[in-house]
Amino acid sequence: MENFETLAIRTQTKRSQFNEHSTPLHLTSSYVFDDAEQMRGMFSDEVEGNIYSRFSNPNTTELIDKMCLLEGAEAGWATATGMAAVFTTFAALLQSGDHVLACRSVFGSTHSVLTKLLPKWGISHSYVDLNETEKWEEAILPNTKIIYIETPTNPAVDIIDLEWLGKLAKKHNVFFVVDNCFATPYNQQPIKFGADIVIHSATKYLDGQGRVLGGIIVGKKELISEVKLFARHSGPALSPFNAWVISKSIETLALRMDRHAESAFKLAQWLEQHSEVELVKYPFLPSHPQHEIAKRQMKSGGGIVTFIIKGGLEKGRAFLDQLQLISMTANLGDSRTIATHPASTTHSKLTEEDRLETGILPGLIRISVGLEHVDDIIKDIEQAIG
């Protein structure tokens, strides 16, 4: 099997004696052993197998194996949430005195981990503007351990050149970690461009219907070994049920992402013509500042469109209040279209200066374009803009 769609559908755990066609749920906390020697061998890592579902479960194993194939990774681990994946990666690979270099535009909770949690253990960070490429190398310190980025970024959908940054990380012998949540492995495989670890909030497009929480970490085997060591003992385990849901959802990921991207591109083109819209950002629009980079490393522009509505903060919030079809909720990557106003919600805890530096202007609206008919999505946005 080589093609994405086939791998996503046909990567399954071995059938049981019942010869089920669809992978069953394995709702068990622990497993029994054939004899004392097998039990000893598994606990000493001499024999492979399931011991306890905090460590492994057939459902989580299927999901991890599938994501490794789709991302081109050697090994992986599943966590309870996307932020558990982010924190687990940092905690597993960093120690006191280390430094993280990150793109200035990161998810709000990731920013809090970098600025409020990691400093408790003597781990520092620096931010670099993604557009100031000459400053990235200057910002790498002797104690820099990780270069961490999102691309496309949240929420401004800026694009970072993965190939260039992958080469830079390799040159300075630092780990290159990429949050690939917005793109998904269908649209982008950062490991092909030099990433050592790829992180996902499986809550988003991988599930795709806003049902369950989950996180995925995949990458080089020796680094995932460190992740496993930390996660096995600290316990941010993904539940078997959630793993089962996400693995089944990935079977339709390619179809869904094609539809998300098709509708998002149409919406972005429509928004560019609207008199009440100051700016539209979508990676595959020719007007996007990193359009050529996006075309080079992504299959499509994805399902997220951002735009700046005239009138600032109050007009942005008023726009949300006028929506009739589109949901206001703290998520993205759903089958249902979602609108958020980052300045007053997801990134409200940032200072105004930090928000402006990451491109979060007062009138910025983020649309996670769903699977409804695009004409209905546009109609609702049109009446809400007024």
Protein backbone atom coordinates (compact mmCIF):
# COMPACT_ATOMS: atom_id res chain seq x y z
CA MET A 1 0.00 0.00 0.00
CA GLU A 2 1.35 3.42 -0.95
CA ASN A 3 -1.48 5.87 -1.51
CA PHE A 4 -2.68 8.02 1.39
CA GLU A 5 -6.34 7.08 1.12
CA THR A 6 -5.61 3.34 1.09
CA LEU A 7 -3.23 3.55 4.04
CA ALA A 8 -5.78 5.59 6.00
CA ILE A 9 -8.49 2.98 5.46
CA ARG A 10 -6.63 -0.33 5.43
CA THR A 11 -4.21 0.16 8.34
CA GLN A 12 -5.96 -1.89 11.04
CA THR A 13 -5.17 -4.08 14.02
CA LYS A 14 -5.08 -7.81 13.40
CA ARG A 15 -8.55 -9.37 13.32
CA SER A 16 -9.66 -11.40 16.31
CA GLN A 17 -11.10 -14.92 16.18
CA PHE A 18 -14.43 -13.32 15.26
CA ASN A 19 -13.09 -12.03 11.90
CA GLU A 20 -14.63 -8.59 12.29
CA HIS A 21 -14.38 -6.28 9.26
CA SER A 22 -14.22 -3.08 11.32
CA THR A 23 -11.79 -2.75 14.22
CA PRO A 24 -13.62 -3.43 17.50
CA LEU A 25 -13.32 -1.42 20.68
CA HIS A 26 -10.92 -2.76 23.30
CA LEU A 27 -12.33 -1.27 26.49
CA THR A 28 -10.01 -2.79 29.06
CA SER A 29 -7.67 -1.24 31.56
CA SER A 30 -5.32 -4.24 31.79
CA TYR A 31 -4.39 -7.50 30.09
CA VAL A 32 -3.77 -11.06 31.26
CA PHE A 33 -0.60 -13.06 30.62
CA ASP A 34 -0.19 -16.68 29.56
CA ASP A 35 2.33 -17.41 32.28
CA ALA A 36 4.76 -15.79 34.72
CA GLU A 37 7.63 -15.83 32.22
CA GLN A 38 5.62 -13.89 29.61
CA MET A 39 4.60 -11.38 32.26
CA ARG A 40 8.24 -10.95 33.33
CA GLY A 41 9.35 -10.57 29.70
CA MET A 42 6.79 -7.86 28.95
CA PHE A 43 7.60 -5.84 32.04
CA SER A 44 11.31 -6.00 31.20
CA ASP A 45 10.60 -4.95 27.57
CA GLU A 46 12.04 -8.21 26.26
CA VAL A 47 8.66 -9.26 24.85
CA GLU A 48 6.22 -7.00 23.00
CA GLY A 49 2.62 -6.89 24.11
CA ASN A 50 -0.03 -5.04 26.07
CA ILE A 51 0.40 -4.65 29.82
CA TYR A 52 -1.83 -1.76 30.82
CA SER A 53 -3.86 0.71 28.75
CA ARG A 54 -1.95 3.67 30.12
CA PHE A 55 0.98 2.18 28.19
CA SER A 56 -0.71 0.70 25.13
CA ASN A 57 -4.03 -0.61 23.81
CA PRO A 58 -4.93 -2.17 20.43
CA ASN A 59 -7.01 0.91 19.54
CA THR A 60 -4.30 3.44 20.35
CA THR A 61 -1.70 1.24 18.65
CA GLU A 62 -3.76 1.20 15.44
CA LEU A 63 -4.06 4.98 15.51
CA ILE A 64 -0.34 5.48 16.14
CA ASP A 65 0.65 3.01 13.41
CA LYS A 66 -1.69 4.75 10.97
CA MET A 67 -0.36 8.22 11.76
CA CYS A 68 3.24 7.05 11.46
CA LEU A 69 2.54 5.73 7.96
CA LEU A 70 0.68 8.88 6.91
CA GLU A 71 3.36 11.25 8.26
CA GLY A 72 6.33 9.10 7.25
CA ALA A 73 7.48 8.70 10.87
CA GLU A 74 9.37 5.90 12.58
CA ALA A 75 7.39 5.80 15.83
CA GLY A 76 4.67 7.62 17.73
CA TRP A 77 2.62 8.12 20.87
CA ALA A 78 -1.00 9.13 21.50
CA THR A 79 -2.08 11.54 24.21
CA ALA A 80 -5.34 12.64 25.79
CA THR A 81 -5.36 16.06 24.08
CA GLY A 82 -3.40 18.15 21.61
CA MET A 83 -1.93 20.26 24.41
CA ALA A 84 -0.87 17.08 26.20
CA ALA A 85 1.06 16.24 23.04
CA VAL A 86 2.72 19.67 23.04
CA PHE A 87 3.65 19.60 26.73
CA THR A 88 4.73 15.95 26.67
CA THR A 89 7.12 16.67 23.79
CA PHE A 90 8.69 19.60 25.64
CA ALA A 91 8.87 17.73 28.95
CA ALA A 92 10.40 14.63 27.36
CA LEU A 93 13.11 16.40 25.36
CA LEU A 94 14.04 19.38 27.53
CA GLN A 95 15.82 19.81 30.83
CA SER A 96 16.69 22.73 33.07
CA GLY A 97 18.91 25.22 31.26
CA ASP A 98 17.62 24.42 27.77
CA HIS A 99 16.18 26.98 25.37
CA VAL A 100 13.30 26.78 22.86
CA LEU A 101 13.21 28.93 19.73
CA ALA A 102 9.67 29.34 18.40
CA CYS A 103 7.77 31.23 15.75
CA ARG A 104 6.03 34.23 17.29
CA SER A 105 2.61 33.07 16.17
CA VAL A 106 1.66 29.99 18.22
CA PHE A 107 -1.57 28.74 19.76
CA GLY A 108 -2.51 30.60 22.94
CA SER A 109 -2.06 27.61 25.27
CA THR A 110 1.31 26.78 23.69
CA HIS A 111 2.34 30.37 24.42
CA SER A 112 1.32 29.86 28.05
CA VAL A 113 3.38 26.65 28.28
CA LEU A 114 6.43 28.49 26.94
CA THR A 115 5.99 31.62 29.04
CA LYS A 116 4.45 30.38 32.31
CA LEU A 117 5.10 26.65 32.78
CA LEU A 118 8.52 25.83 31.33
CA PRO A 119 10.26 28.72 33.12
CA LYS A 120 9.36 26.99 36.43
CA TRP A 121 11.92 24.34 35.49
CA GLY A 122 14.54 26.75 34.19
CA ILE A 123 13.65 26.35 30.50
CA SER A 124 13.72 29.58 28.50
CA HIS A 125 12.38 30.54 25.10
CA SER A 126 12.69 33.16 22.38
CA TYR A 127 10.25 34.15 19.66
CA VAL A 128 11.20 35.10 16.12
CA ASP A 129 8.98 36.72 13.51
CA LEU A 130 8.48 34.20 10.72
CA ASN A 131 9.05 36.91 8.10
CA GLU A 132 12.46 37.91 9.50
CA THR A 133 14.36 34.89 8.20
CA GLU A 134 17.75 36.45 8.82
CA LYS A 135 17.02 36.61 12.56
CA TRP A 136 16.31 32.90 13.04
CA GLU A 137 19.94 31.82 12.90
CA GLU A 138 20.98 34.76 15.07
CA ALA A 139 18.44 33.67 17.70
CA ILE A 140 19.84 30.14 18.06
CA LEU A 141 21.77 30.02 21.34
CA PRO A 142 24.36 27.50 22.57
CA ASN A 143 21.65 25.99 24.80
CA THR A 144 18.89 25.93 22.13
CA LYS A 145 17.46 22.41 22.09
CA ILE A 146 14.26 22.76 20.05
CA ILE A 147 13.00 24.86 17.16
CA TYR A 148 9.21 24.80 17.45
CA ILE A 149 6.75 26.07 14.85
CA GLU A 150 3.21 25.89 13.56
CA THR A 151 2.57 26.12 9.82
CA PRO A 152 0.03 27.30 8.88
CA THR A 153 0.07 29.35 12.05
CA ASN A 154 -2.87 29.78 14.41
CA PRO A 155 -4.82 31.94 13.82
CA ALA A 156 -3.19 34.11 11.13
CA VAL A 157 -2.53 31.20 8.67
CA ASP A 158 0.99 32.39 7.93
CA ILE A 159 3.32 29.89 6.28
CA ILE A 160 6.86 28.97 7.33
CA ASP A 161 9.31 27.42 4.88
CA LEU A 162 9.78 23.92 6.28
CA GLU A 163 12.68 22.96 4.04
CA TRP A 164 14.69 26.05 4.93
CA LEU A 165 14.05 25.73 8.66
CA GLY A 166 14.71 21.99 8.60
CA LYS A 167 18.15 22.62 7.12
CA LEU A 168 18.82 25.33 9.70
CA ALA A 169 17.92 23.01 12.58
CA LYS A 170 20.14 20.27 11.21
CA LYS A 171 23.04 22.71 10.75
CA HIS A 172 22.88 23.67 14.43
CA ASN A 173 22.04 20.16 15.70
CA VAL A 174 18.73 21.13 17.34
CA PHE A 175 15.45 19.24 17.27
CA PHE A 176 12.89 20.53 14.77
CA VAL A 177 9.31 20.14 16.06
CA VAL A 178 6.28 21.04 13.91
CA ASP A 179 2.64 21.40 14.92
CA ASN A 180 0.91 20.08 11.78
CA CYS A 181 -2.66 20.41 13.08
CA PHE A 182 -3.94 22.94 10.52
CA ALA A 183 -2.52 21.13 7.50
CA THR A 184 -2.99 17.46 8.53
CA PRO A 185 -0.75 14.75 7.03
CA TYR A 186 -2.93 14.75 3.93
CA ASN A 187 -1.91 18.30 3.04
CA GLN A 188 1.64 18.38 4.40
CA GLN A 189 4.30 16.00 5.75
CA PRO A 190 6.90 18.05 7.66
CA ILE A 191 9.19 15.04 8.15
CA LYS A 192 9.91 15.11 4.41
CA PHE A 193 11.34 18.59 4.96
CA GLY A 194 13.50 17.75 7.95
CA ALA A 195 11.19 17.77 10.97
CA ASP A 196 12.23 15.45 13.81
CA ILE A 197 8.83 15.39 15.52
CA VAL A 198 5.33 16.23 14.28
CA ILE A 199 2.48 17.03 16.67
CA HIS A 200 -1.27 17.01 16.11
CA SER A 201 -4.31 17.98 18.05
CA ALA A 202 -6.35 14.99 16.87
CA THR A 203 -9.37 16.82 18.29
CA LYS A 204 -9.42 18.92 15.12
CA TYR A 205 -9.35 17.58 11.54
CA LEU A 206 -8.28 14.05 12.42
CA ASP A 207 -11.56 13.49 14.26
CA GLY A 208 -13.29 15.99 12.03
CA GLN A 209 -16.68 16.06 13.72
CA GLY A 210 -16.04 17.72 17.07
CA ARG A 211 -16.67 14.56 19.10
CA VAL A 212 -13.54 13.61 21.04
CA LEU A 213 -10.24 14.95 22.35
CA GLY A 214 -6.86 13.53 21.40
CA GLY A 215 -3.24 14.27 20.57
CA ILE A 216 -0.57 12.59 18.45
CA ILE A 217 3.24 12.77 18.56
CA VAL A 218 5.21 11.06 15.77
CA GLY A 219 8.82 11.24 14.69
CA LYS A 220 12.24 9.70 15.04
CA LYS A 221 12.35 6.49 17.04
CA GLU A 222 15.04 7.64 19.49
CA LEU A 223 13.09 10.82 20.32
CA ILE A 224 9.77 9.00 20.66
CA SER A 225 11.51 6.67 23.13
CA GLU A 226 12.02 9.70 25.37
CA VAL A 227 8.39 10.70 24.83
CA LYS A 228 7.24 7.19 25.81
CA LEU A 229 9.36 7.20 28.95
CA PHE A 230 7.82 10.47 30.12
CA ALA A 231 4.26 9.64 29.06
CA ARG A 232 4.14 6.13 30.52
CA HIS A 233 4.93 7.46 33.97
CA SER A 234 3.15 10.82 33.87
CA GLY A 235 -0.01 9.37 32.34
CA PRO A 236 -1.42 11.68 29.60
CA ALA A 237 -2.89 8.60 27.89
CA LEU A 238 -5.47 8.65 25.10
CA SER A 239 -8.55 6.59 25.92
CA PRO A 240 -9.18 3.51 23.75
CA PHE A 241 -12.61 4.83 22.78
CA ASN A 242 -11.24 8.16 21.58
CA ALA A 243 -8.45 6.39 19.70
CA TRP A 244 -11.04 4.17 17.99
CA VAL A 245 -13.14 7.18 16.96
CA ILE A 246 -10.16 9.11 15.59
CA SER A 247 -8.72 6.13 13.72
CA LYS A 248 -12.08 5.52 12.04
CA SER A 249 -12.38 9.22 11.22
CA ILE A 250 -9.01 9.27 9.47
CA GLU A 251 -10.48 6.88 6.90
CA THR A 252 -12.35 9.87 5.43
CA LEU A 253 -9.66 12.51 6.06
CA ALA A 254 -8.63 12.89 2.41
CA LEU A 255 -12.22 13.35 1.22
CA ARG A 256 -12.98 15.81 3.97
CA MET A 257 -9.83 17.88 3.50
CA ASP A 258 -10.48 18.15 -0.25
CA ARG A 259 -13.96 19.53 0.49
CA HIS A 260 -12.75 21.83 3.30
CA ALA A 261 -10.08 23.28 1.01
CA GLU A 262 -12.35 23.67 -2.01
CA SER A 263 -14.94 25.60 0.00
CA ALA A 264 -12.33 27.63 1.90
CA PHE A 265 -10.73 28.79 -1.34
CA LYS A 266 -14.12 29.86 -2.73
CA LEU A 267 -14.93 31.72 0.49
CA ALA A 268 -11.55 33.45 0.50
CA GLN A 269 -12.01 34.61 -3.10
CA TRP A 270 -15.48 35.96 -2.23
CA LEU A 271 -14.21 37.78 0.87
CA GLU A 272 -11.47 39.51 -1.12
CA GLN A 273 -14.18 41.28 -3.14
CA HIS A 274 -16.21 42.45 -0.12
CA SER A 275 -16.13 46.17 0.64
CA GLU A 276 -16.29 45.64 4.43
CA VAL A 277 -13.24 43.37 4.49
CA GLU A 278 -9.79 44.92 4.84
CA LEU A 279 -7.64 41.83 4.35
CA VAL A 280 -8.07 38.12 3.63
CA LYS A 281 -5.49 35.44 4.46
CA TYR A 282 -5.63 32.02 2.84
CA PRO A 283 -2.47 30.13 1.86
CA PHE A 284 -3.50 29.36 -1.72
CA LEU A 285 -4.68 32.89 -2.54
CA PRO A 286 -2.08 34.60 -4.79
CA SER A 287 -2.30 37.58 -2.42
CA HIS A 288 -1.01 35.55 0.54
CA PRO A 289 2.52 36.74 1.45
CA GLN A 290 3.90 33.18 1.52
CA HIS A 291 1.79 31.86 -1.37
CA GLU A 292 4.71 30.30 -3.24
CA ILE A 293 6.00 28.52 -0.14
CA ALA A 294 2.51 27.18 0.58
CA LYS A 295 2.17 25.83 -2.97
CA ARG A 296 5.56 24.14 -2.64
CA GLN A 297 4.95 22.30 0.64
CA MET A 298 1.17 21.88 0.83
CA LYS A 299 -1.26 19.86 -1.27
CA SER A 300 -4.00 22.46 -0.74
CA GLY A 301 -4.55 25.60 1.30
CA GLY A 302 -6.50 23.75 3.99
CA GLY A 303 -9.78 24.68 5.62
CA ILE A 304 -8.95 27.85 7.60
CA VAL A 305 -9.64 31.37 6.30
CA THR A 306 -8.96 34.52 8.27
CA PHE A 307 -10.09 38.02 7.42
CA ILE A 308 -10.05 41.45 8.99
CA ILE A 309 -13.42 43.09 9.15
CA LYS A 310 -13.62 46.88 9.11
CA GLY A 311 -14.59 48.40 12.44
CA GLY A 312 -12.17 46.70 14.77
CA LEU A 313 -12.94 44.83 17.99
CA GLU A 314 -16.59 45.81 18.35
CA LYS A 315 -17.43 45.07 14.71
CA GLY A 316 -15.70 41.70 15.03
CA ARG A 317 -17.80 40.73 18.03
CA ALA A 318 -20.96 42.12 16.40
CA PHE A 319 -20.25 39.96 13.34
CA LEU A 320 -20.29 36.83 15.52
CA ASP A 321 -23.57 37.85 17.12
CA GLN A 322 -25.22 38.14 13.70
CA LEU A 323 -24.30 34.65 12.51
CA GLN A 324 -27.24 32.29 12.07
CA LEU A 325 -25.80 29.12 10.54
CA ILE A 326 -22.15 29.21 11.51
CA SER A 327 -21.23 28.06 15.01
CA MET A 328 -19.38 30.02 17.67
CA THR A 329 -17.36 27.44 19.55
CA ALA A 330 -13.82 26.83 20.80
CA ASN A 331 -12.75 24.37 18.14
CA LEU A 332 -11.83 24.00 14.47
CA GLY A 333 -11.60 21.27 11.88
CA ASP A 334 -15.24 20.28 12.39
CA SER A 335 -17.75 19.23 9.74
CA ARG A 336 -19.65 22.33 10.88
CA THR A 337 -18.30 25.77 9.96
CA ILE A 338 -16.98 27.66 13.00
CA ALA A 339 -16.22 31.34 13.48
CA THR A 340 -14.05 32.80 16.23
CA HIS A 341 -12.77 36.24 17.15
CA PRO A 342 -9.24 35.49 18.46
CA ALA A 343 -8.61 38.90 20.03
CA SER A 344 -11.47 38.43 22.49
CA THR A 345 -11.31 34.63 22.91
CA THR A 346 -8.47 32.20 22.12
CA HIS A 347 -5.73 34.85 22.31
CA SER A 348 -7.38 37.28 24.73
CA LYS A 349 -4.85 36.54 27.49
CA LEU A 350 -2.00 37.83 25.34
CA THR A 351 -1.03 41.44 25.73
CA GLU A 352 -2.21 43.77 22.97
CA GLU A 353 1.42 44.12 21.89
CA ASP A 354 1.84 40.34 21.63
CA ARG A 355 -1.38 40.02 19.64
CA LEU A 356 -0.33 42.69 17.16
CA GLU A 357 3.09 41.09 16.74
CA THR A 358 1.45 37.80 15.81
CA GLY A 359 -0.94 39.44 13.34
CA ILE A 360 -4.02 39.24 15.57
CA LEU A 361 -5.64 42.57 14.85
CA PRO A 362 -8.82 43.64 16.67
CA GLY A 363 -11.05 42.89 13.68
CA LEU A 364 -9.54 39.51 12.81
CA ILE A 365 -12.05 36.70 12.27
CA ARG A 366 -11.02 33.06 11.89
CA ILE A 367 -13.32 30.79 9.90
CA SER A 368 -12.91 27.03 10.05
CA VAL A 369 -14.77 26.16 6.88
CA GLY A 370 -16.94 23.09 7.33
CA LEU A 371 -18.61 20.63 4.98
CA GLU A 372 -21.91 22.46 4.46
CA HIS A 373 -22.61 23.77 0.97
CA VAL A 374 -20.28 26.70 0.38
CA ASP A 375 -23.13 28.91 -0.87
CA ASP A 376 -24.87 28.61 2.50
CA ILE A 377 -21.64 29.45 4.32
CA ILE A 378 -21.14 32.55 2.20
CA LYS A 379 -24.78 33.65 2.64
CA ASP A 380 -24.47 33.55 6.41
CA ILE A 381 -21.21 35.51 6.42
CA GLU A 382 -22.67 38.05 3.99
CA GLN A 383 -25.70 38.80 6.15
CA ALA A 384 -23.57 38.92 9.32
CA ILE A 385 -21.11 41.45 7.85
CA GLY A 386 -24.08 43.63 6.99
